[in-house]
Amino acid sequence: MFFKNIKQRLFFILICLLALVNSFTPIEDFNFTHWLFNYQYQFIKRGFVGQILNIFKIHPTLTIVYIFSYLILIIMFFAYVKFFYNAIRPFNGHQALSLFFMLVIILQLYNTIIVILEDLIRLEP
């Protein structure tokens, strides 16, 4: 049986929650403007979300952007956890937890490296 032990289940939930909390980042002005774009005048990239809000006559404020952003983040996160949970189901509890923990750590390292590289590329001489 997958995750027979309550400690294994709690560890799995803790890893999921830590990864979810680590995914929350503040929305900056640059990111906020993506929610304002729509296809009203022409087809532009990053206009899809703004067009959906425009169809429903929702004027994007910072509060609405936070709500939609974090709602999408939580839905995608739980879809990811469900997909991974089904993928590791054939393994026993310790192997599955180890695999999941390594994947979370690798993804966090990858995100950190990407942020560092983006900052290094933006540096001006």
Protein backbone atom coordinates (compact mmCIF):
# COMPACT_ATOMS: atom_id res chain seq x y z
CA MET A 1 0.00 0.00 0.00
CA PHE A 2 1.25 3.46 -0.90
CA PHE A 3 2.01 5.64 2.16
CA LYS A 4 0.96 3.10 4.77
CA ASN A 5 2.45 5.14 7.58
CA ILE A 6 0.88 8.38 8.84
CA LYS A 7 4.38 9.91 9.12
CA GLN A 8 4.95 9.30 5.40
CA ARG A 9 1.64 10.99 4.56
CA LEU A 10 2.47 13.96 6.78
CA PHE A 11 5.92 14.24 5.20
CA PHE A 12 4.36 14.18 1.71
CA ILE A 13 1.87 16.88 2.71
CA LEU A 14 4.64 18.96 4.30
CA ILE A 15 6.76 18.79 1.14
CA CYS A 16 3.75 19.79 -0.96
CA LEU A 17 2.94 22.73 1.31
CA LEU A 18 6.55 23.93 1.39
CA ALA A 19 6.74 23.80 -2.39
CA LEU A 20 3.43 25.67 -2.68
CA VAL A 21 4.47 28.37 -0.21
CA ASN A 22 7.79 28.76 -1.99
CA SER A 23 5.91 29.32 -5.27
CA PHE A 24 4.22 32.47 -4.02
CA THR A 25 5.98 35.56 -5.30
CA PRO A 26 4.81 39.15 -5.20
CA ILE A 27 3.25 40.55 -8.35
CA GLU A 28 5.31 43.44 -9.70
CA ASP A 29 4.07 46.27 -11.91
CA PHE A 30 5.55 44.62 -15.00
CA ASN A 31 3.66 41.38 -14.33
CA PHE A 32 0.48 43.29 -13.52
CA THR A 33 0.45 44.96 -16.93
CA HIS A 34 0.13 41.56 -18.62
CA TRP A 35 -3.35 41.32 -17.15
CA LEU A 36 -4.31 44.63 -18.77
CA PHE A 37 -3.54 43.58 -22.35
CA ASN A 38 -6.33 42.17 -24.49
CA TYR A 39 -7.17 41.61 -28.15
CA GLN A 40 -9.41 44.66 -28.42
CA TYR A 41 -7.33 46.40 -31.11
CA GLN A 42 -5.08 43.66 -32.45
CA PHE A 43 -3.63 40.27 -31.63
CA ILE A 44 -0.78 40.70 -29.17
CA LYS A 45 1.12 38.23 -27.08
CA ARG A 46 0.16 38.04 -23.41
CA GLY A 47 -3.34 39.27 -24.21
CA PHE A 48 -5.25 36.05 -23.52
CA VAL A 49 -5.91 36.58 -19.81
CA GLY A 50 -6.83 40.22 -20.33
CA GLN A 51 -9.24 39.17 -23.07
CA ILE A 52 -10.93 36.66 -20.78
CA LEU A 53 -11.34 39.35 -18.12
CA ASN A 54 -12.65 41.73 -20.80
CA ILE A 55 -15.26 39.21 -21.94
CA PHE A 56 -16.62 38.95 -18.40
CA LYS A 57 -16.43 42.75 -17.98
CA ILE A 58 -13.96 42.48 -15.09
CA HIS A 59 -11.63 45.44 -14.70
CA PRO A 60 -8.34 44.02 -13.36
CA THR A 61 -7.27 45.61 -10.11
CA LEU A 62 -4.29 44.43 -8.11
CA THR A 63 -6.59 42.47 -5.77
CA ILE A 64 -8.30 40.67 -8.66
CA VAL A 65 -4.93 39.87 -10.23
CA TYR A 66 -3.70 38.40 -6.94
CA ILE A 67 -6.83 36.30 -6.56
CA PHE A 68 -6.72 34.96 -10.13
CA SER A 69 -2.95 34.40 -10.04
CA TYR A 70 -2.96 32.45 -6.82
CA LEU A 71 -6.09 30.54 -7.77
CA ILE A 72 -4.41 29.42 -11.00
CA LEU A 73 -1.22 28.61 -9.06
CA ILE A 74 -3.09 26.45 -6.56
CA ILE A 75 -5.05 24.61 -9.27
CA MET A 76 -1.88 23.92 -11.28
CA PHE A 77 0.00 22.88 -8.15
CA PHE A 78 -2.62 20.34 -7.12
CA ALA A 79 -2.81 19.03 -10.69
CA TYR A 80 0.97 18.58 -10.56
CA VAL A 81 0.81 16.81 -7.19
CA LYS A 82 -2.01 14.53 -8.40
CA PHE A 83 -0.07 13.66 -11.57
CA PHE A 84 3.09 12.94 -9.60
CA TYR A 85 1.20 10.99 -6.93
CA ASN A 86 -0.23 8.70 -9.62
CA ALA A 87 3.19 8.35 -11.24
CA ILE A 88 4.90 7.19 -8.04
CA ARG A 89 2.06 4.99 -6.81
CA PRO A 90 3.80 1.74 -7.94
CA PHE A 91 6.78 2.46 -5.65
CA ASN A 92 6.77 1.70 -1.96
CA GLY A 93 6.45 4.55 0.55
CA HIS A 94 10.13 5.29 1.18
CA GLN A 95 11.10 5.17 -2.50
CA ALA A 96 8.16 7.35 -3.46
CA LEU A 97 8.89 9.95 -0.81
CA SER A 98 12.56 10.02 -1.73
CA LEU A 99 11.72 10.45 -5.41
CA PHE A 100 9.19 13.19 -4.69
CA PHE A 101 11.54 15.01 -2.32
CA MET A 102 14.38 14.91 -4.88
CA LEU A 103 12.08 16.23 -7.60
CA VAL A 104 10.95 19.15 -5.42
CA ILE A 105 14.56 19.99 -4.52
CA ILE A 106 15.68 19.78 -8.16
CA LEU A 107 12.84 22.04 -9.29
CA GLN A 108 13.65 24.58 -6.58
CA LEU A 109 17.33 24.55 -7.55
CA TYR A 110 16.39 24.95 -11.22
CA ASN A 111 14.18 27.96 -10.41
CA THR A 112 16.92 29.51 -8.30
CA ILE A 113 19.50 29.04 -11.07
CA ILE A 114 17.14 30.60 -13.63
CA VAL A 115 16.60 33.66 -11.42
CA ILE A 116 20.35 34.04 -10.85
CA LEU A 117 21.08 33.73 -14.57
CA GLU A 118 18.39 36.28 -15.43
CA ASP A 119 19.91 38.71 -12.95
CA LEU A 120 23.41 38.13 -14.33
CA ILE A 121 22.24 38.69 -17.91
CA ARG A 122 20.62 42.00 -16.93
CA LEU A 123 23.78 43.35 -15.37
CA GLU A 124 25.25 46.19 -17.33
CA PRO A 125 29.04 46.74 -17.58
